[in-house]
Amino acid sequence: TYVDSNVRANELVYTYFWTAIDGCG
């Protein structure tokens, strides 16, 4: 879990995605 507290979620639209990286990079 990650809490993104550096946003103005009631004013702006934010879009997110995750990238998974293996142990070899």
PDBML (XML) file of the C-alpha atoms, coordinates in Angstrom:
<?xml version="1.0" encoding="UTF-8" ?>
<PDBx:datablock datablockName="MODEL"
   xmlns:PDBx="http://pdbml.pdb.org/schema/pdbx-v50.xsd"
   xmlns:xsi="http://www.w3.org/2001/XMLSchema-instance"
   xsi:schemaLocation="http://pdbml.pdb.org/schema/pdbx-v50.xsd pdbx-v50.xsd">
   <PDBx:atom_siteCategory>
      <PDBx:atom_site id="1">
         <PDBx:B_iso_or_equiv>0.00</PDBx:B_iso_or_equiv>
         <PDBx:Cartn_x>0.000</PDBx:Cartn_x>
         <PDBx:Cartn_y>0.000</PDBx:Cartn_y>
         <PDBx:Cartn_z>0.000</PDBx:Cartn_z>
         <PDBx:auth_asym_id>A</PDBx:auth_asym_id>
         <PDBx:auth_atom_id>CA</PDBx:auth_atom_id>
         <PDBx:auth_comp_id>THR</PDBx:auth_comp_id>
         <PDBx:auth_seq_id>1</PDBx:auth_seq_id>
         <PDBx:group_PDB>ATOM</PDBx:group_PDB>
         <PDBx:label_alt_id xsi:nil="true" />
         <PDBx:label_asym_id>A</PDBx:label_asym_id>
         <PDBx:label_atom_id>CA</PDBx:label_atom_id>
         <PDBx:label_comp_id>THR</PDBx:label_comp_id>
         <PDBx:label_entity_id>1</PDBx:label_entity_id>
         <PDBx:label_seq_id>1</PDBx:label_seq_id>
         <PDBx:occupancy>1.00</PDBx:occupancy>
         <PDBx:pdbx_PDB_model_num>1</PDBx:pdbx_PDB_model_num>
         <PDBx:type_symbol>C</PDBx:type_symbol>
      </PDBx:atom_site>
      <PDBx:atom_site id="2">
         <PDBx:B_iso_or_equiv>0.00</PDBx:B_iso_or_equiv>
         <PDBx:Cartn_x>1.162</PDBx:Cartn_x>
         <PDBx:Cartn_y>3.528</PDBx:Cartn_y>
         <PDBx:Cartn_z>-0.816</PDBx:Cartn_z>
         <PDBx:auth_asym_id>A</PDBx:auth_asym_id>
         <PDBx:auth_atom_id>CA</PDBx:auth_atom_id>
         <PDBx:auth_comp_id>TYR</PDBx:auth_comp_id>
         <PDBx:auth_seq_id>2</PDBx:auth_seq_id>
         <PDBx:group_PDB>ATOM</PDBx:group_PDB>
         <PDBx:label_alt_id xsi:nil="true" />
         <PDBx:label_asym_id>A</PDBx:label_asym_id>
         <PDBx:label_atom_id>CA</PDBx:label_atom_id>
         <PDBx:label_comp_id>TYR</PDBx:label_comp_id>
         <PDBx:label_entity_id>1</PDBx:label_entity_id>
         <PDBx:label_seq_id>2</PDBx:label_seq_id>
         <PDBx:occupancy>1.00</PDBx:occupancy>
         <PDBx:pdbx_PDB_model_num>1</PDBx:pdbx_PDB_model_num>
         <PDBx:type_symbol>C</PDBx:type_symbol>
      </PDBx:atom_site>
      <PDBx:atom_site id="3">
         <PDBx:B_iso_or_equiv>0.00</PDBx:B_iso_or_equiv>
         <PDBx:Cartn_x>-0.612</PDBx:Cartn_x>
         <PDBx:Cartn_y>6.680</PDBx:Cartn_y>
         <PDBx:Cartn_z>0.392</PDBx:Cartn_z>
         <PDBx:auth_asym_id>A</PDBx:auth_asym_id>
         <PDBx:auth_atom_id>CA</PDBx:auth_atom_id>
         <PDBx:auth_comp_id>VAL</PDBx:auth_comp_id>
         <PDBx:auth_seq_id>3</PDBx:auth_seq_id>
         <PDBx:group_PDB>ATOM</PDBx:group_PDB>
         <PDBx:label_alt_id xsi:nil="true" />
         <PDBx:label_asym_id>A</PDBx:label_asym_id>
         <PDBx:label_atom_id>CA</PDBx:label_atom_id>
         <PDBx:label_comp_id>VAL</PDBx:label_comp_id>
         <PDBx:label_entity_id>1</PDBx:label_entity_id>
         <PDBx:label_seq_id>3</PDBx:label_seq_id>
         <PDBx:occupancy>1.00</PDBx:occupancy>
         <PDBx:pdbx_PDB_model_num>1</PDBx:pdbx_PDB_model_num>
         <PDBx:type_symbol>C</PDBx:type_symbol>
      </PDBx:atom_site>
      <PDBx:atom_site id="4">
         <PDBx:B_iso_or_equiv>0.00</PDBx:B_iso_or_equiv>
         <PDBx:Cartn_x>0.000</PDBx:Cartn_x>
         <PDBx:Cartn_y>9.621</PDBx:Cartn_y>
         <PDBx:Cartn_z>-1.923</PDBx:Cartn_z>
         <PDBx:auth_asym_id>A</PDBx:auth_asym_id>
         <PDBx:auth_atom_id>CA</PDBx:auth_atom_id>
         <PDBx:auth_comp_id>ASP</PDBx:auth_comp_id>
         <PDBx:auth_seq_id>4</PDBx:auth_seq_id>
         <PDBx:group_PDB>ATOM</PDBx:group_PDB>
         <PDBx:label_alt_id xsi:nil="true" />
         <PDBx:label_asym_id>A</PDBx:label_asym_id>
         <PDBx:label_atom_id>CA</PDBx:label_atom_id>
         <PDBx:label_comp_id>ASP</PDBx:label_comp_id>
         <PDBx:label_entity_id>1</PDBx:label_entity_id>
         <PDBx:label_seq_id>4</PDBx:label_seq_id>
         <PDBx:occupancy>1.00</PDBx:occupancy>
         <PDBx:pdbx_PDB_model_num>1</PDBx:pdbx_PDB_model_num>
         <PDBx:type_symbol>C</PDBx:type_symbol>
      </PDBx:atom_site>
      <PDBx:atom_site id="5">
         <PDBx:B_iso_or_equiv>0.00</PDBx:B_iso_or_equiv>
         <PDBx:Cartn_x>-0.398</PDBx:Cartn_x>
         <PDBx:Cartn_y>12.617</PDBx:Cartn_y>
         <PDBx:Cartn_z>0.373</PDBx:Cartn_z>
         <PDBx:auth_asym_id>A</PDBx:auth_asym_id>
         <PDBx:auth_atom_id>CA</PDBx:auth_atom_id>
         <PDBx:auth_comp_id>SER</PDBx:auth_comp_id>
         <PDBx:auth_seq_id>5</PDBx:auth_seq_id>
         <PDBx:group_PDB>ATOM</PDBx:group_PDB>
         <PDBx:label_alt_id xsi:nil="true" />
         <PDBx:label_asym_id>A</PDBx:label_asym_id>
         <PDBx:label_atom_id>CA</PDBx:label_atom_id>
         <PDBx:label_comp_id>SER</PDBx:label_comp_id>
         <PDBx:label_entity_id>1</PDBx:label_entity_id>
         <PDBx:label_seq_id>5</PDBx:label_seq_id>
         <PDBx:occupancy>1.00</PDBx:occupancy>
         <PDBx:pdbx_PDB_model_num>1</PDBx:pdbx_PDB_model_num>
         <PDBx:type_symbol>C</PDBx:type_symbol>
      </PDBx:atom_site>
      <PDBx:atom_site id="6">
         <PDBx:B_iso_or_equiv>0.00</PDBx:B_iso_or_equiv>
         <PDBx:Cartn_x>1.217</PDBx:Cartn_x>
         <PDBx:Cartn_y>15.123</PDBx:Cartn_y>
         <PDBx:Cartn_z>-2.008</PDBx:Cartn_z>
         <PDBx:auth_asym_id>A</PDBx:auth_asym_id>
         <PDBx:auth_atom_id>CA</PDBx:auth_atom_id>
         <PDBx:auth_comp_id>ASN</PDBx:auth_comp_id>
         <PDBx:auth_seq_id>6</PDBx:auth_seq_id>
         <PDBx:group_PDB>ATOM</PDBx:group_PDB>
         <PDBx:label_alt_id xsi:nil="true" />
         <PDBx:label_asym_id>A</PDBx:label_asym_id>
         <PDBx:label_atom_id>CA</PDBx:label_atom_id>
         <PDBx:label_comp_id>ASN</PDBx:label_comp_id>
         <PDBx:label_entity_id>1</PDBx:label_entity_id>
         <PDBx:label_seq_id>6</PDBx:label_seq_id>
         <PDBx:occupancy>1.00</PDBx:occupancy>
         <PDBx:pdbx_PDB_model_num>1</PDBx:pdbx_PDB_model_num>
         <PDBx:type_symbol>C</PDBx:type_symbol>
      </PDBx:atom_site>
      <PDBx:atom_site id="7">
         <PDBx:B_iso_or_equiv>0.00</PDBx:B_iso_or_equiv>
         <PDBx:Cartn_x>-1.893</PDBx:Cartn_x>
         <PDBx:Cartn_y>15.682</PDBx:Cartn_y>
         <PDBx:Cartn_z>-4.152</PDBx:Cartn_z>
         <PDBx:auth_asym_id>A</PDBx:auth_asym_id>
         <PDBx:auth_atom_id>CA</PDBx:auth_atom_id>
         <PDBx:auth_comp_id>VAL</PDBx:auth_comp_id>
         <PDBx:auth_seq_id>7</PDBx:auth_seq_id>
         <PDBx:group_PDB>ATOM</PDBx:group_PDB>
         <PDBx:label_alt_id xsi:nil="true" />
         <PDBx:label_asym_id>A</PDBx:label_asym_id>
         <PDBx:label_atom_id>CA</PDBx:label_atom_id>
         <PDBx:label_comp_id>VAL</PDBx:label_comp_id>
         <PDBx:label_entity_id>1</PDBx:label_entity_id>
         <PDBx:label_seq_id>7</PDBx:label_seq_id>
         <PDBx:occupancy>1.00</PDBx:occupancy>
         <PDBx:pdbx_PDB_model_num>1</PDBx:pdbx_PDB_model_num>
         <PDBx:type_symbol>C</PDBx:type_symbol>
      </PDBx:atom_site>
      <PDBx:atom_site id="8">
         <PDBx:B_iso_or_equiv>0.00</PDBx:B_iso_or_equiv>
         <PDBx:Cartn_x>-4.995</PDBx:Cartn_x>
         <PDBx:Cartn_y>17.873</PDBx:Cartn_y>
         <PDBx:Cartn_z>-4.362</PDBx:Cartn_z>
         <PDBx:auth_asym_id>A</PDBx:auth_asym_id>
         <PDBx:auth_atom_id>CA</PDBx:auth_atom_id>
         <PDBx:auth_comp_id>ARG</PDBx:auth_comp_id>
         <PDBx:auth_seq_id>8</PDBx:auth_seq_id>
         <PDBx:group_PDB>ATOM</PDBx:group_PDB>
         <PDBx:label_alt_id xsi:nil="true" />
         <PDBx:label_asym_id>A</PDBx:label_asym_id>
         <PDBx:label_atom_id>CA</PDBx:label_atom_id>
         <PDBx:label_comp_id>ARG</PDBx:label_comp_id>
         <PDBx:label_entity_id>1</PDBx:label_entity_id>
         <PDBx:label_seq_id>8</PDBx:label_seq_id>
         <PDBx:occupancy>1.00</PDBx:occupancy>
         <PDBx:pdbx_PDB_model_num>1</PDBx:pdbx_PDB_model_num>
         <PDBx:type_symbol>C</PDBx:type_symbol>
      </PDBx:atom_site>
      <PDBx:atom_site id="9">
         <PDBx:B_iso_or_equiv>0.00</PDBx:B_iso_or_equiv>
         <PDBx:Cartn_x>-7.367</PDBx:Cartn_x>
         <PDBx:Cartn_y>15.009</PDBx:Cartn_y>
         <PDBx:Cartn_z>-5.141</PDBx:Cartn_z>
         <PDBx:auth_asym_id>A</PDBx:auth_asym_id>
         <PDBx:auth_atom_id>CA</PDBx:auth_atom_id>
         <PDBx:auth_comp_id>ALA</PDBx:auth_comp_id>
         <PDBx:auth_seq_id>9</PDBx:auth_seq_id>
         <PDBx:group_PDB>ATOM</PDBx:group_PDB>
         <PDBx:label_alt_id xsi:nil="true" />
         <PDBx:label_asym_id>A</PDBx:label_asym_id>
         <PDBx:label_atom_id>CA</PDBx:label_atom_id>
         <PDBx:label_comp_id>ALA</PDBx:label_comp_id>
         <PDBx:label_entity_id>1</PDBx:label_entity_id>
         <PDBx:label_seq_id>9</PDBx:label_seq_id>
         <PDBx:occupancy>1.00</PDBx:occupancy>
         <PDBx:pdbx_PDB_model_num>1</PDBx:pdbx_PDB_model_num>
         <PDBx:type_symbol>C</PDBx:type_symbol>
      </PDBx:atom_site>
      <PDBx:atom_site id="10">
         <PDBx:B_iso_or_equiv>0.00</PDBx:B_iso_or_equiv>
         <PDBx:Cartn_x>-10.499</PDBx:Cartn_x>
         <PDBx:Cartn_y>17.143</PDBx:Cartn_y>
         <PDBx:Cartn_z>-4.707</PDBx:Cartn_z>
         <PDBx:auth_asym_id>A</PDBx:auth_asym_id>
         <PDBx:auth_atom_id>CA</PDBx:auth_atom_id>
         <PDBx:auth_comp_id>ASN</PDBx:auth_comp_id>
         <PDBx:auth_seq_id>10</PDBx:auth_seq_id>
         <PDBx:group_PDB>ATOM</PDBx:group_PDB>
         <PDBx:label_alt_id xsi:nil="true" />
         <PDBx:label_asym_id>A</PDBx:label_asym_id>
         <PDBx:label_atom_id>CA</PDBx:label_atom_id>
         <PDBx:label_comp_id>ASN</PDBx:label_comp_id>
         <PDBx:label_entity_id>1</PDBx:label_entity_id>
         <PDBx:label_seq_id>10</PDBx:label_seq_id>
         <PDBx:occupancy>1.00</PDBx:occupancy>
         <PDBx:pdbx_PDB_model_num>1</PDBx:pdbx_PDB_model_num>
         <PDBx:type_symbol>C</PDBx:type_symbol>
      </PDBx:atom_site>
      <PDBx:atom_site id="11">
         <PDBx:B_iso_or_equiv>0.00</PDBx:B_iso_or_equiv>
         <PDBx:Cartn_x>-9.265</PDBx:Cartn_x>
         <PDBx:Cartn_y>19.610</PDBx:Cartn_y>
         <PDBx:Cartn_z>-7.380</PDBx:Cartn_z>
         <PDBx:auth_asym_id>A</PDBx:auth_asym_id>
         <PDBx:auth_atom_id>CA</PDBx:auth_atom_id>
         <PDBx:auth_comp_id>GLU</PDBx:auth_comp_id>
         <PDBx:auth_seq_id>11</PDBx:auth_seq_id>
         <PDBx:group_PDB>ATOM</PDBx:group_PDB>
         <PDBx:label_alt_id xsi:nil="true" />
         <PDBx:label_asym_id>A</PDBx:label_asym_id>
         <PDBx:label_atom_id>CA</PDBx:label_atom_id>
         <PDBx:label_comp_id>GLU</PDBx:label_comp_id>
         <PDBx:label_entity_id>1</PDBx:label_entity_id>
         <PDBx:label_seq_id>11</PDBx:label_seq_id>
         <PDBx:occupancy>1.00</PDBx:occupancy>
         <PDBx:pdbx_PDB_model_num>1</PDBx:pdbx_PDB_model_num>
         <PDBx:type_symbol>C</PDBx:type_symbol>
      </PDBx:atom_site>
      <PDBx:atom_site id="12">
         <PDBx:B_iso_or_equiv>0.00</PDBx:B_iso_or_equiv>
         <PDBx:Cartn_x>-7.210</PDBx:Cartn_x>
         <PDBx:Cartn_y>17.675</PDBx:Cartn_y>
         <PDBx:Cartn_z>-9.965</PDBx:Cartn_z>
         <PDBx:auth_asym_id>A</PDBx:auth_asym_id>
         <PDBx:auth_atom_id>CA</PDBx:auth_atom_id>
         <PDBx:auth_comp_id>LEU</PDBx:auth_comp_id>
         <PDBx:auth_seq_id>12</PDBx:auth_seq_id>
         <PDBx:group_PDB>ATOM</PDBx:group_PDB>
         <PDBx:label_alt_id xsi:nil="true" />
         <PDBx:label_asym_id>A</PDBx:label_asym_id>
         <PDBx:label_atom_id>CA</PDBx:label_atom_id>
         <PDBx:label_comp_id>LEU</PDBx:label_comp_id>
         <PDBx:label_entity_id>1</PDBx:label_entity_id>
         <PDBx:label_seq_id>12</PDBx:label_seq_id>
         <PDBx:occupancy>1.00</PDBx:occupancy>
         <PDBx:pdbx_PDB_model_num>1</PDBx:pdbx_PDB_model_num>
         <PDBx:type_symbol>C</PDBx:type_symbol>
      </PDBx:atom_site>
      <PDBx:atom_site id="13">
         <PDBx:B_iso_or_equiv>0.00</PDBx:B_iso_or_equiv>
         <PDBx:Cartn_x>-7.352</PDBx:Cartn_x>
         <PDBx:Cartn_y>14.319</PDBx:Cartn_y>
         <PDBx:Cartn_z>-11.726</PDBx:Cartn_z>
         <PDBx:auth_asym_id>A</PDBx:auth_asym_id>
         <PDBx:auth_atom_id>CA</PDBx:auth_atom_id>
         <PDBx:auth_comp_id>VAL</PDBx:auth_comp_id>
         <PDBx:auth_seq_id>13</PDBx:auth_seq_id>
         <PDBx:group_PDB>ATOM</PDBx:group_PDB>
         <PDBx:label_alt_id xsi:nil="true" />
         <PDBx:label_asym_id>A</PDBx:label_asym_id>
         <PDBx:label_atom_id>CA</PDBx:label_atom_id>
         <PDBx:label_comp_id>VAL</PDBx:label_comp_id>
         <PDBx:label_entity_id>1</PDBx:label_entity_id>
         <PDBx:label_seq_id>13</PDBx:label_seq_id>
         <PDBx:occupancy>1.00</PDBx:occupancy>
         <PDBx:pdbx_PDB_model_num>1</PDBx:pdbx_PDB_model_num>
         <PDBx:type_symbol>C</PDBx:type_symbol>
      </PDBx:atom_site>
      <PDBx:atom_site id="14">
         <PDBx:B_iso_or_equiv>0.00</PDBx:B_iso_or_equiv>
         <PDBx:Cartn_x>-4.335</PDBx:Cartn_x>
         <PDBx:Cartn_y>12.089</PDBx:Cartn_y>
         <PDBx:Cartn_z>-11.113</PDBx:Cartn_z>
         <PDBx:auth_asym_id>A</PDBx:auth_asym_id>
         <PDBx:auth_atom_id>CA</PDBx:auth_atom_id>
         <PDBx:auth_comp_id>TYR</PDBx:auth_comp_id>
         <PDBx:auth_seq_id>14</PDBx:auth_seq_id>
         <PDBx:group_PDB>ATOM</PDBx:group_PDB>
         <PDBx:label_alt_id xsi:nil="true" />
         <PDBx:label_asym_id>A</PDBx:label_asym_id>
         <PDBx:label_atom_id>CA</PDBx:label_atom_id>
         <PDBx:label_comp_id>TYR</PDBx:label_comp_id>
         <PDBx:label_entity_id>1</PDBx:label_entity_id>
         <PDBx:label_seq_id>14</PDBx:label_seq_id>
         <PDBx:occupancy>1.00</PDBx:occupancy>
         <PDBx:pdbx_PDB_model_num>1</PDBx:pdbx_PDB_model_num>
         <PDBx:type_symbol>C</PDBx:type_symbol>
      </PDBx:atom_site>
      <PDBx:atom_site id="15">
         <PDBx:B_iso_or_equiv>0.00</PDBx:B_iso_or_equiv>
         <PDBx:Cartn_x>-3.616</PDBx:Cartn_x>
         <PDBx:Cartn_y>8.935</PDBx:Cartn_y>
         <PDBx:Cartn_z>-13.081</PDBx:Cartn_z>
         <PDBx:auth_asym_id>A</PDBx:auth_asym_id>
         <PDBx:auth_atom_id>CA</PDBx:auth_atom_id>
         <PDBx:auth_comp_id>THR</PDBx:auth_comp_id>
         <PDBx:auth_seq_id>15</PDBx:auth_seq_id>
         <PDBx:group_PDB>ATOM</PDBx:group_PDB>
         <PDBx:label_alt_id xsi:nil="true" />
         <PDBx:label_asym_id>A</PDBx:label_asym_id>
         <PDBx:label_atom_id>CA</PDBx:label_atom_id>
         <PDBx:label_comp_id>THR</PDBx:label_comp_id>
         <PDBx:label_entity_id>1</PDBx:label_entity_id>
         <PDBx:label_seq_id>15</PDBx:label_seq_id>
         <PDBx:occupancy>1.00</PDBx:occupancy>
         <PDBx:pdbx_PDB_model_num>1</PDBx:pdbx_PDB_model_num>
         <PDBx:type_symbol>C</PDBx:type_symbol>
      </PDBx:atom_site>
      <PDBx:atom_site id="16">
         <PDBx:B_iso_or_equiv>0.00</PDBx:B_iso_or_equiv>
         <PDBx:Cartn_x>-1.395</PDBx:Cartn_x>
         <PDBx:Cartn_y>6.150</PDBx:Cartn_y>
         <PDBx:Cartn_z>-11.720</PDBx:Cartn_z>
         <PDBx:auth_asym_id>A</PDBx:auth_asym_id>
         <PDBx:auth_atom_id>CA</PDBx:auth_atom_id>
         <PDBx:auth_comp_id>TYR</PDBx:auth_comp_id>
         <PDBx:auth_seq_id>16</PDBx:auth_seq_id>
         <PDBx:group_PDB>ATOM</PDBx:group_PDB>
         <PDBx:label_alt_id xsi:nil="true" />
         <PDBx:label_asym_id>A</PDBx:label_asym_id>
         <PDBx:label_atom_id>CA</PDBx:label_atom_id>
         <PDBx:label_comp_id>TYR</PDBx:label_comp_id>
         <PDBx:label_entity_id>1</PDBx:label_entity_id>
         <PDBx:label_seq_id>16</PDBx:label_seq_id>
         <PDBx:occupancy>1.00</PDBx:occupancy>
         <PDBx:pdbx_PDB_model_num>1</PDBx:pdbx_PDB_model_num>
         <PDBx:type_symbol>C</PDBx:type_symbol>
      </PDBx:atom_site>
      <PDBx:atom_site id="17">
         <PDBx:B_iso_or_equiv>0.00</PDBx:B_iso_or_equiv>
         <PDBx:Cartn_x>0.167</PDBx:Cartn_x>
         <PDBx:Cartn_y>2.877</PDBx:Cartn_y>
         <PDBx:Cartn_z>-12.786</PDBx:Cartn_z>
         <PDBx:auth_asym_id>A</PDBx:auth_asym_id>
         <PDBx:auth_atom_id>CA</PDBx:auth_atom_id>
         <PDBx:auth_comp_id>PHE</PDBx:auth_comp_id>
         <PDBx:auth_seq_id>17</PDBx:auth_seq_id>
         <PDBx:group_PDB>ATOM</PDBx:group_PDB>
         <PDBx:label_alt_id xsi:nil="true" />
         <PDBx:label_asym_id>A</PDBx:label_asym_id>
         <PDBx:label_atom_id>CA</PDBx:label_atom_id>
         <PDBx:label_comp_id>PHE</PDBx:label_comp_id>
         <PDBx:label_entity_id>1</PDBx:label_entity_id>
         <PDBx:label_seq_id>17</PDBx:label_seq_id>
         <PDBx:occupancy>1.00</PDBx:occupancy>
         <PDBx:pdbx_PDB_model_num>1</PDBx:pdbx_PDB_model_num>
         <PDBx:type_symbol>C</PDBx:type_symbol>
      </PDBx:atom_site>
      <PDBx:atom_site id="18">
         <PDBx:B_iso_or_equiv>0.00</PDBx:B_iso_or_equiv>
         <PDBx:Cartn_x>2.642</PDBx:Cartn_x>
         <PDBx:Cartn_y>0.384</PDBx:Cartn_y>
         <PDBx:Cartn_z>-11.313</PDBx:Cartn_z>
         <PDBx:auth_asym_id>A</PDBx:auth_asym_id>
         <PDBx:auth_atom_id>CA</PDBx:auth_atom_id>
         <PDBx:auth_comp_id>TRP</PDBx:auth_comp_id>
         <PDBx:auth_seq_id>18</PDBx:auth_seq_id>
         <PDBx:group_PDB>ATOM</PDBx:group_PDB>
         <PDBx:label_alt_id xsi:nil="true" />
         <PDBx:label_asym_id>A</PDBx:label_asym_id>
         <PDBx:label_atom_id>CA</PDBx:label_atom_id>
         <PDBx:label_comp_id>TRP</PDBx:label_comp_id>
         <PDBx:label_entity_id>1</PDBx:label_entity_id>
         <PDBx:label_seq_id>18</PDBx:label_seq_id>
         <PDBx:occupancy>1.00</PDBx:occupancy>
         <PDBx:pdbx_PDB_model_num>1</PDBx:pdbx_PDB_model_num>
         <PDBx:type_symbol>C</PDBx:type_symbol>
      </PDBx:atom_site>
      <PDBx:atom_site id="19">
         <PDBx:B_iso_or_equiv>0.00</PDBx:B_iso_or_equiv>
         <PDBx:Cartn_x>5.640</PDBx:Cartn_x>
         <PDBx:Cartn_y>-1.248</PDBx:Cartn_y>
         <PDBx:Cartn_z>-12.998</PDBx:Cartn_z>
         <PDBx:auth_asym_id>A</PDBx:auth_asym_id>
         <PDBx:auth_atom_id>CA</PDBx:auth_atom_id>
         <PDBx:auth_comp_id>THR</PDBx:auth_comp_id>
         <PDBx:auth_seq_id>19</PDBx:auth_seq_id>
         <PDBx:group_PDB>ATOM</PDBx:group_PDB>
         <PDBx:label_alt_id xsi:nil="true" />
         <PDBx:label_asym_id>A</PDBx:label_asym_id>
         <PDBx:label_atom_id>CA</PDBx:label_atom_id>
         <PDBx:label_comp_id>THR</PDBx:label_comp_id>
         <PDBx:label_entity_id>1</PDBx:label_entity_id>
         <PDBx:label_seq_id>19</PDBx:label_seq_id>
         <PDBx:occupancy>1.00</PDBx:occupancy>
         <PDBx:pdbx_PDB_model_num>1</PDBx:pdbx_PDB_model_num>
         <PDBx:type_symbol>C</PDBx:type_symbol>
      </PDBx:atom_site>
      <PDBx:atom_site id="20">
         <PDBx:B_iso_or_equiv>0.00</PDBx:B_iso_or_equiv>
         <PDBx:Cartn_x>6.989</PDBx:Cartn_x>
         <PDBx:Cartn_y>-4.543</PDBx:Cartn_y>
         <PDBx:Cartn_z>-11.605</PDBx:Cartn_z>
         <PDBx:auth_asym_id>A</PDBx:auth_asym_id>
         <PDBx:auth_atom_id>CA</PDBx:auth_atom_id>
         <PDBx:auth_comp_id>ALA</PDBx:auth_comp_id>
         <PDBx:auth_seq_id>20</PDBx:auth_seq_id>
         <PDBx:group_PDB>ATOM</PDBx:group_PDB>
         <PDBx:label_alt_id xsi:nil="true" />
         <PDBx:label_asym_id>A</PDBx:label_asym_id>
         <PDBx:label_atom_id>CA</PDBx:label_atom_id>
         <PDBx:label_comp_id>ALA</PDBx:label_comp_id>
         <PDBx:label_entity_id>1</PDBx:label_entity_id>
         <PDBx:label_seq_id>20</PDBx:label_seq_id>
         <PDBx:occupancy>1.00</PDBx:occupancy>
         <PDBx:pdbx_PDB_model_num>1</PDBx:pdbx_PDB_model_num>
         <PDBx:type_symbol>C</PDBx:type_symbol>
      </PDBx:atom_site>
      <PDBx:atom_site id="21">
         <PDBx:B_iso_or_equiv>0.00</PDBx:B_iso_or_equiv>
         <PDBx:Cartn_x>10.746</PDBx:Cartn_x>
         <PDBx:Cartn_y>-5.148</PDBx:Cartn_y>
         <PDBx:Cartn_z>-11.883</PDBx:Cartn_z>
         <PDBx:auth_asym_id>A</PDBx:auth_asym_id>
         <PDBx:auth_atom_id>CA</PDBx:auth_atom_id>
         <PDBx:auth_comp_id>ILE</PDBx:auth_comp_id>
         <PDBx:auth_seq_id>21</PDBx:auth_seq_id>
         <PDBx:group_PDB>ATOM</PDBx:group_PDB>
         <PDBx:label_alt_id xsi:nil="true" />
         <PDBx:label_asym_id>A</PDBx:label_asym_id>
         <PDBx:label_atom_id>CA</PDBx:label_atom_id>
         <PDBx:label_comp_id>ILE</PDBx:label_comp_id>
         <PDBx:label_entity_id>1</PDBx:label_entity_id>
         <PDBx:label_seq_id>21</PDBx:label_seq_id>
         <PDBx:occupancy>1.00</PDBx:occupancy>
         <PDBx:pdbx_PDB_model_num>1</PDBx:pdbx_PDB_model_num>
         <PDBx:type_symbol>C</PDBx:type_symbol>
      </PDBx:atom_site>
      <PDBx:atom_site id="22">
         <PDBx:B_iso_or_equiv>0.00</PDBx:B_iso_or_equiv>
         <PDBx:Cartn_x>12.451</PDBx:Cartn_x>
         <PDBx:Cartn_y>-8.491</PDBx:Cartn_y>
         <PDBx:Cartn_z>-11.251</PDBx:Cartn_z>
         <PDBx:auth_asym_id>A</PDBx:auth_asym_id>
         <PDBx:auth_atom_id>CA</PDBx:auth_atom_id>
         <PDBx:auth_comp_id>ASP</PDBx:auth_comp_id>
         <PDBx:auth_seq_id>22</PDBx:auth_seq_id>
         <PDBx:group_PDB>ATOM</PDBx:group_PDB>
         <PDBx:label_alt_id xsi:nil="true" />
         <PDBx:label_asym_id>A</PDBx:label_asym_id>
         <PDBx:label_atom_id>CA</PDBx:label_atom_id>
         <PDBx:label_comp_id>ASP</PDBx:label_comp_id>
         <PDBx:label_entity_id>1</PDBx:label_entity_id>
         <PDBx:label_seq_id>22</PDBx:label_seq_id>
         <PDBx:occupancy>1.00</PDBx:occupancy>
         <PDBx:pdbx_PDB_model_num>1</PDBx:pdbx_PDB_model_num>
         <PDBx:type_symbol>C</PDBx:type_symbol>
      </PDBx:atom_site>
      <PDBx:atom_site id="23">
         <PDBx:B_iso_or_equiv>0.00</PDBx:B_iso_or_equiv>
         <PDBx:Cartn_x>15.622</PDBx:Cartn_x>
         <PDBx:Cartn_y>-9.013</PDBx:Cartn_y>
         <PDBx:Cartn_z>-9.216</PDBx:Cartn_z>
         <PDBx:auth_asym_id>A</PDBx:auth_asym_id>
         <PDBx:auth_atom_id>CA</PDBx:auth_atom_id>
         <PDBx:auth_comp_id>GLY</PDBx:auth_comp_id>
         <PDBx:auth_seq_id>23</PDBx:auth_seq_id>
         <PDBx:group_PDB>ATOM</PDBx:group_PDB>
         <PDBx:label_alt_id xsi:nil="true" />
         <PDBx:label_asym_id>A</PDBx:label_asym_id>
         <PDBx:label_atom_id>CA</PDBx:label_atom_id>
         <PDBx:label_comp_id>GLY</PDBx:label_comp_id>
         <PDBx:label_entity_id>1</PDBx:label_entity_id>
         <PDBx:label_seq_id>23</PDBx:label_seq_id>
         <PDBx:occupancy>1.00</PDBx:occupancy>
         <PDBx:pdbx_PDB_model_num>1</PDBx:pdbx_PDB_model_num>
         <PDBx:type_symbol>C</PDBx:type_symbol>
      </PDBx:atom_site>
      <PDBx:atom_site id="24">
         <PDBx:B_iso_or_equiv>0.00</PDBx:B_iso_or_equiv>
         <PDBx:Cartn_x>17.789</PDBx:Cartn_x>
         <PDBx:Cartn_y>-8.592</PDBx:Cartn_y>
         <PDBx:Cartn_z>-12.350</PDBx:Cartn_z>
         <PDBx:auth_asym_id>A</PDBx:auth_asym_id>
         <PDBx:auth_atom_id>CA</PDBx:auth_atom_id>
         <PDBx:auth_comp_id>CYS</PDBx:auth_comp_id>
         <PDBx:auth_seq_id>24</PDBx:auth_seq_id>
         <PDBx:group_PDB>ATOM</PDBx:group_PDB>
         <PDBx:label_alt_id xsi:nil="true" />
         <PDBx:label_asym_id>A</PDBx:label_asym_id>
         <PDBx:label_atom_id>CA</PDBx:label_atom_id>
         <PDBx:label_comp_id>CYS</PDBx:label_comp_id>
         <PDBx:label_entity_id>1</PDBx:label_entity_id>
         <PDBx:label_seq_id>24</PDBx:label_seq_id>
         <PDBx:occupancy>1.00</PDBx:occupancy>
         <PDBx:pdbx_PDB_model_num>1</PDBx:pdbx_PDB_model_num>
         <PDBx:type_symbol>C</PDBx:type_symbol>
      </PDBx:atom_site>
      <PDBx:atom_site id="25">
         <PDBx:B_iso_or_equiv>0.00</PDBx:B_iso_or_equiv>
         <PDBx:Cartn_x>16.348</PDBx:Cartn_x>
         <PDBx:Cartn_y>-5.144</PDBx:Cartn_y>
         <PDBx:Cartn_z>-13.098</PDBx:Cartn_z>
         <PDBx:auth_asym_id>A</PDBx:auth_asym_id>
         <PDBx:auth_atom_id>CA</PDBx:auth_atom_id>
         <PDBx:auth_comp_id>GLY</PDBx:auth_comp_id>
         <PDBx:auth_seq_id>25</PDBx:auth_seq_id>
         <PDBx:group_PDB>ATOM</PDBx:group_PDB>
         <PDBx:label_alt_id xsi:nil="true" />
         <PDBx:label_asym_id>A</PDBx:label_asym_id>
         <PDBx:label_atom_id>CA</PDBx:label_atom_id>
         <PDBx:label_comp_id>GLY</PDBx:label_comp_id>
         <PDBx:label_entity_id>1</PDBx:label_entity_id>
         <PDBx:label_seq_id>25</PDBx:label_seq_id>
         <PDBx:occupancy>1.00</PDBx:occupancy>
         <PDBx:pdbx_PDB_model_num>1</PDBx:pdbx_PDB_model_num>
         <PDBx:type_symbol>C</PDBx:type_symbol>
      </PDBx:atom_site>
   </PDBx:atom_siteCategory>
</PDBx:datablock>
